[in-house]
Amino acid sequence: MDDTYIKNYPRDGLFFDGKVILLINNRTFSAATYFASLFKKEKRGEIVGKETGSCSNFTTAAWFLTYKLPNTKMTISIPRTEIFFNNNENDNIPNCTGVIPDYKIDNNFFLKVLKERKDPELQYSLQLLSRKS
């Protein structure tokens, strides 16, 4: 698929006109990473967290083979397909990165909030939203 399949539809009368923050981290993969890349490309809001764990221009979230390893008996899933979203020579897999957030959470802040038994990404986002009001 390439960008000709992506439509930026006009807003209807019920659209949300407030500030939006998307939370990502190194456990954001596949279609969620592609969503984050579209979110960033279309400037739909700001992104908070860490770089996504997978490349932003393809996914393997289609068909899988499930295989049980003979010695450990662990079950693994092996993707049978890859779906590429961009048709750009500069976006080849060796050069591809995950989605880079607009705001990275400082490790000290992360640990401090985690000790308070709160969600660090959410707390950071709430602070960011309150500063921009």
Foldseek 3Di string as FASTA:
>chain_A
DECVVDDPDDDDPPDDPAADEAEAEQAQAFVSQLVVVVCVVVVVHFYEEAFYNAFNFKGLPDDWDWDQDDPVRDIDTDRPDMGGYHPDPCCDRVNTTTDGGPYYQDPVQCVVVVVVVDHSRVVVVVVVRVVVD
